[in-house]
Protein backbone atom coordinates (compact mmCIF):
# COMPACT_ATOMS: atom_id res chain seq x y z
CA MET A 1 170.68 173.76 81.14
CA ALA A 2 170.53 170.15 82.23
CA ILE A 3 173.10 167.62 81.11
CA SER A 4 171.62 164.55 79.50
CA ARG A 5 172.08 161.22 81.24
CA VAL A 6 174.49 159.93 78.58
CA GLU A 7 176.92 162.85 78.92
CA ARG A 8 177.24 162.77 82.72
CA PRO A 9 180.65 161.66 83.92
CA LYS A 10 180.73 158.63 86.16
CA PRO A 11 181.68 159.35 89.76
CA ALA A 12 185.15 158.29 90.83
CA LEU A 13 185.09 155.67 93.55
CA TYR A 14 187.69 156.04 96.24
CA GLY A 15 188.30 153.49 98.92
CA PRO A 16 190.97 151.55 100.71
CA ASN A 17 193.36 149.54 98.59
CA VAL A 18 193.77 146.07 100.04
CA PRO A 19 197.40 144.95 99.88
CA VAL A 20 198.11 141.51 98.46
CA CYS A 21 200.95 139.16 99.34
CA THR A 22 203.73 139.29 96.75
CA SER A 23 204.44 135.56 97.24
CA CYS A 24 200.99 133.94 97.19
CA GLY A 25 198.77 136.73 95.83
CA LYS A 26 196.18 136.52 98.61
CA PRO A 27 194.75 139.71 100.14
CA ILE A 28 196.25 140.64 103.50
CA LYS A 29 193.77 141.06 106.34
CA PRO A 30 194.09 144.13 108.58
CA TYR A 31 194.66 142.06 111.74
CA GLU A 32 197.19 139.68 110.15
CA ARG A 33 200.84 139.87 111.19
CA ALA A 34 202.13 140.83 107.76
CA THR A 35 205.07 143.00 106.77
CA HIS A 36 205.94 145.31 103.92
CA PHE A 37 209.25 146.74 102.79
CA LEU A 38 210.94 148.17 99.72
CA CYS A 39 212.81 145.83 97.40
CA PRO A 40 216.31 145.28 98.83
CA ASN A 41 217.81 145.39 95.33
CA CYS A 42 216.21 148.37 93.54
CA GLY A 43 214.20 150.08 96.31
CA LYS A 44 211.39 150.97 93.88
CA ALA A 45 208.72 148.32 94.55
CA GLU A 46 206.91 147.72 97.83
CA ILE A 47 206.93 144.03 98.80
CA TRP A 48 204.08 142.71 100.97
CA ARG A 49 204.40 139.38 102.78
CA CYS A 50 201.57 137.63 104.62
CA GLU A 51 202.14 135.83 107.90
CA HIS A 52 201.93 132.38 106.31
CA CYS A 53 204.52 133.11 103.59
CA ARG A 54 206.85 134.66 106.16
CA ARG A 55 206.68 131.58 108.39
CA THR A 56 207.09 129.05 105.60
CA GLY A 57 209.77 131.04 103.76
CA ASN A 58 207.98 131.23 100.42
CA PRO A 59 210.09 133.13 97.89
CA TYR A 60 209.00 136.54 96.60
CA ARG A 61 209.92 138.28 93.37
CA CYS A 62 210.24 142.03 92.77
CA PRO A 63 207.92 143.11 89.93
CA VAL A 64 210.34 145.88 88.87
CA CYS A 65 213.83 144.34 88.83
CA GLY A 66 213.08 140.60 89.19
CA PHE A 67 215.05 140.18 92.44
CA GLU A 68 214.08 136.97 94.20
CA GLY A 69 214.27 136.66 97.96
CA PRO A 70 213.37 134.19 100.68
């Protein structure tokens, strides 16, 4: 018995998740000298920092606890 076109489930798409900078919100390129670490306050959120924000010292904010760092 064939399933009609309307009832077919859509396929799940899997692919790489591109990390974004926590400070500026831009996607981080694979060859960029970025860093990532857990929040120093709560340890629950992963903070990503692009090379530009690291060099200029842009502040970042933890999305879980609200901790703000340099």
